């Protein structure tokens, strides 16, 4: 009687370990076997105990034991599968830019990630604290931001730990204010000189006219 193998699990490729246990068999364990192609081919494992361990496997793997009682033909136990999720990769955000506070809009896009987007997050204090955005797509839009804002996505692959993407930064420039020019005067056309002074402006002087 082949018996039953217990201990199936879903694990992360970056770090995993565990053990499988055979019970209900009649006969001696000749060996264990493993398969990484869904049971099409099997590789022998030199183990004649009722427990088979695994550690840091990188692909989904099925295990079974081979049992033989005396002169009777050998039989296989049930098989059990350790499902391996790919390690999470946060990916990169594109679309960062500089905009004006008076009117702005745009979209940030996540690419290169491994796993699903759990949520997006934003920060207006340089990344010291983050606020949750309920969005599980790979795009995040913004409209009429009034201050510089950082965005990132939180990505998770299966049971693997969640990882943050790179940050996309929308730099918000204060709205331009023309300011006031002082120094108006009445002068003689034949000979004159003086200085005009700009004050109260927000932004850099591009030119005079």
Protein backbone atom coordinates (compact mmCIF):
# COMPACT_ATOMS: atom_id res chain seq x y z
CA UNK A 1 0.00 0.00 0.00
CA UNK A 2 1.58 3.28 -1.12
CA UNK A 3 0.13 5.46 1.62
CA UNK A 4 -0.48 9.19 1.67
CA UNK A 5 1.96 12.11 1.71
CA UNK A 6 0.94 15.17 3.76
CA UNK A 7 2.55 18.60 3.88
CA UNK A 8 1.53 20.39 0.69
CA UNK A 9 2.16 24.13 0.84
CA UNK A 10 2.55 27.32 -1.15
CA UNK A 11 5.90 29.01 -0.55
CA UNK A 12 8.04 31.88 -1.84
CA UNK A 13 10.98 31.18 -4.15
CA UNK A 14 13.27 33.54 -2.25
CA UNK A 15 13.19 31.52 0.99
CA UNK A 16 11.34 28.31 1.88
CA UNK A 17 11.66 25.11 3.84
CA UNK A 18 9.45 22.38 5.21
CA UNK A 19 8.87 18.64 5.43
CA UNK A 20 6.53 16.05 3.95
CA UNK A 21 5.33 13.02 5.89
CA UNK A 22 4.24 9.63 4.60
CA UNK A 23 1.61 7.63 6.48
CA UNK A 24 -0.74 4.69 5.89
CA UNK A 25 1.73 2.71 3.82
CA UNK A 26 2.29 -1.04 3.92
CA UNK A 27 5.86 -2.01 3.14
CA UNK A 28 9.26 -0.35 3.20
CA UNK A 29 10.16 2.98 1.67
CA UNK A 30 12.56 2.28 -1.20
CA UNK A 31 13.09 5.91 -2.12
CA UNK A 32 11.39 9.26 -2.64
CA UNK A 33 10.95 10.92 -6.00
CA UNK A 34 10.42 14.52 -7.15
CA UNK A 35 9.05 16.11 -10.31
CA UNK A 36 9.21 19.71 -11.56
CA UNK A 37 7.13 19.15 -14.70
CA UNK A 38 3.80 18.15 -13.21
CA UNK A 39 4.62 14.45 -12.90
CA UNK A 40 5.76 13.79 -16.49
CA UNK A 41 9.24 12.79 -15.31
CA UNK A 42 10.56 11.90 -11.85
CA UNK A 43 13.98 12.17 -10.21
CA UNK A 44 15.11 9.75 -7.48
CA UNK A 45 15.88 10.95 -3.95
CA UNK A 46 17.99 8.67 -1.73
CA UNK A 47 15.74 8.71 1.31
CA UNK A 48 14.15 5.66 2.96
CA UNK A 49 12.52 7.46 5.91
CA UNK A 50 8.90 8.52 6.22
CA UNK A 51 9.87 12.21 6.16
CA UNK A 52 11.16 14.19 3.18
CA UNK A 53 12.44 17.73 3.67
CA UNK A 54 12.78 20.55 1.14
CA UNK A 55 14.66 23.83 1.31
CA UNK A 56 14.81 26.87 -0.99
CA UNK A 57 13.30 25.16 -4.01
CA UNK A 58 12.88 27.57 -6.91
CA UNK A 59 10.06 25.95 -8.90
CA UNK A 60 6.83 24.14 -8.12
CA UNK A 61 7.75 20.55 -7.17
CA UNK A 62 5.74 17.36 -6.60
CA UNK A 63 6.94 14.59 -4.28
CA UNK A 64 6.01 10.95 -3.79
CA UNK A 65 7.40 7.88 -2.04
CA UNK A 66 7.97 4.46 -3.60
CA UNK A 67 6.89 1.56 -1.33
CA UNK A 68 7.53 -2.19 -1.55
CA UNK A 69 6.33 -4.96 0.71
CA UNK A 70 8.56 -8.02 0.52
CA UNK A 71 8.40 -9.73 -2.89
CA UNK A 72 5.30 -7.71 -3.92
CA UNK A 73 5.63 -5.15 -6.71
CA UNK A 74 6.52 -1.62 -5.64
CA UNK A 75 3.79 1.04 -5.67
CA UNK A 76 3.81 4.81 -5.44
CA UNK A 77 2.29 6.83 -2.64
CA UNK A 78 -0.04 9.73 -3.32
CA UNK A 79 1.85 12.78 -4.48
CA UNK A 80 1.98 16.15 -2.77
CA UNK A 81 2.94 19.43 -4.38
CA UNK A 82 4.89 22.40 -3.05
CA UNK A 83 3.72 25.38 -5.09
CA UNK A 84 6.44 28.01 -5.47
CA UNK A 85 5.55 31.67 -6.05
CA UNK A 86 8.13 33.84 -7.80
CA UNK A 87 9.86 36.34 -5.52
CA UNK A 88 8.24 39.77 -5.51
CA UNK A 89 9.84 42.53 -7.61
CA UNK A 90 8.58 46.06 -6.98
CA UNK A 91 9.22 47.42 -10.47
CA UNK A 92 9.79 50.99 -11.65
CA UNK A 93 7.50 54.01 -12.00
CA UNK A 94 7.69 56.30 -15.02
CA UNK A 95 5.92 59.62 -15.53
CA UNK A 96 7.59 61.80 -12.89
CA UNK A 97 7.73 65.45 -13.94
CA UNK A 98 7.51 69.08 -12.84
CA UNK A 99 4.14 70.87 -13.00
CA UNK A 100 2.55 74.18 -12.04
CA UNK A 101 0.35 74.40 -8.96
CA UNK A 102 -2.38 76.32 -10.77
CA UNK A 103 -3.30 73.49 -13.13
CA UNK A 104 -1.77 70.03 -13.60
CA UNK A 105 -2.68 66.45 -14.45
CA UNK A 106 -0.97 63.31 -15.62
CA UNK A 107 -0.42 59.58 -15.10
CA UNK A 108 2.32 57.49 -13.53
CA UNK A 109 2.89 53.98 -14.87
CA UNK A 110 4.38 50.92 -13.14
CA UNK A 111 6.42 48.39 -15.14
CA UNK A 112 8.92 45.60 -14.54
CA UNK A 113 7.13 44.28 -11.46
CA UNK A 114 6.64 40.64 -10.45
CA UNK A 115 3.39 40.14 -8.54
CA UNK A 116 0.12 41.99 -8.19
CA UNK A 117 -0.34 45.63 -7.22
CA UNK A 118 -1.77 45.64 -3.68
CA UNK A 119 -2.16 49.42 -3.49
CA UNK A 120 -0.50 52.73 -4.32
CA UNK A 121 0.83 55.18 -1.75
CA UNK A 122 1.60 58.91 -1.79
CA UNK A 123 3.76 61.19 0.36
CA UNK A 124 3.91 64.98 0.61
CA UNK A 125 6.76 65.12 3.15
CA UNK A 126 9.60 63.58 1.19
CA UNK A 127 8.71 59.98 2.06
CA UNK A 128 8.62 60.33 5.86
CA UNK A 129 5.01 59.16 5.94
CA UNK A 130 2.81 57.56 3.29
CA UNK A 131 -0.94 57.65 2.64
CA UNK A 132 -2.79 54.69 1.12
CA UNK A 133 -4.44 55.00 -2.29
CA UNK A 134 -7.05 52.35 -3.11
CA UNK A 135 -5.78 51.41 -6.56
CA UNK A 136 -4.65 47.96 -7.75
CA UNK A 137 -3.93 48.86 -11.38
CA UNK A 138 -0.52 49.64 -12.88
CA UNK A 139 -1.45 53.30 -13.52
CA UNK A 140 -1.96 56.13 -11.03
CA UNK A 141 -3.35 59.49 -12.13
CA UNK A 142 -3.03 62.89 -10.44
CA UNK A 143 -4.90 66.17 -10.90
CA UNK A 144 -4.25 69.70 -9.64
CA UNK A 145 -1.64 68.85 -7.02
CA UNK A 146 -0.73 71.83 -4.84
CA UNK A 147 2.54 70.50 -3.43
CA UNK A 148 5.33 68.17 -4.49
CA UNK A 149 4.11 64.58 -4.14
CA UNK A 150 5.87 61.22 -4.26
CA UNK A 151 4.08 58.07 -5.44
CA UNK A 152 4.93 54.39 -5.18
CA UNK A 153 3.17 51.07 -5.72
CA UNK A 154 3.14 48.17 -3.27
CA UNK A 155 3.51 44.83 -5.05
CA UNK A 156 3.11 41.26 -3.76
CA UNK A 157 3.67 37.91 -5.47
CA UNK A 158 1.51 35.19 -3.91
CA UNK A 159 2.65 34.40 -0.37
CA UNK A 160 5.93 36.29 -0.82
CA UNK A 161 6.54 39.49 1.12
CA UNK A 162 5.22 42.75 -0.33
CA UNK A 163 7.81 45.08 -1.88
CA UNK A 164 7.68 48.77 -2.78
CA UNK A 165 8.32 49.99 -6.31
CA UNK A 166 10.65 52.85 -7.08
CA UNK A 167 9.19 56.31 -6.43
CA UNK A 168 7.70 58.64 -9.00
CA UNK A 169 7.95 62.32 -8.05
CA UNK A 170 5.68 65.10 -9.25
CA UNK A 171 7.48 68.36 -8.44
CA UNK A 172 4.93 71.16 -8.01
CA UNK A 173 6.12 74.70 -8.71
CA UNK A 174 4.28 77.62 -7.14
CA UNK A 175 2.05 79.57 -9.51
CA UNK A 176 3.86 82.47 -11.19
CA UNK A 177 3.22 85.95 -9.77
CA UNK A 178 4.31 88.88 -11.91
CA UNK A 179 5.02 91.23 -9.02
CA UNK A 180 5.28 95.03 -9.09
CA UNK A 181 7.78 97.27 -10.81
CA UNK A 182 8.81 100.45 -8.99
CA UNK A 183 10.89 103.36 -10.17
CA UNK A 184 8.57 105.15 -12.57
CA UNK A 185 9.76 108.69 -13.36
CA UNK A 186 9.41 111.60 -15.76
CA UNK A 187 12.68 112.43 -17.51
CA UNK A 188 14.02 114.59 -20.28
CA UNK A 189 14.42 112.90 -23.66
CA UNK A 190 17.84 114.35 -24.22
CA UNK A 191 19.56 112.81 -21.22
CA UNK A 192 18.23 110.41 -18.62
CA UNK A 193 19.06 107.31 -16.61
CA UNK A 194 17.63 105.35 -13.73
CA UNK A 195 16.66 101.95 -12.45
CA UNK A 196 13.40 100.05 -12.27
CA UNK A 197 13.03 97.44 -9.55
CA UNK A 198 10.82 94.35 -9.52
CA UNK A 199 9.42 93.07 -6.21
CA UNK A 200 6.70 90.72 -5.01
CA UNK A 201 7.23 88.25 -7.84
CA UNK A 202 7.07 84.47 -7.56
CA UNK A 203 9.33 82.73 -10.04
CA UNK A 204 12.41 83.68 -12.02
CA UNK A 205 12.60 86.68 -14.32
CA UNK A 206 12.55 85.35 -17.87
CA UNK A 207 13.01 88.70 -19.60
CA UNK A 208 12.08 92.39 -19.49
CA UNK A 209 9.98 94.06 -22.15
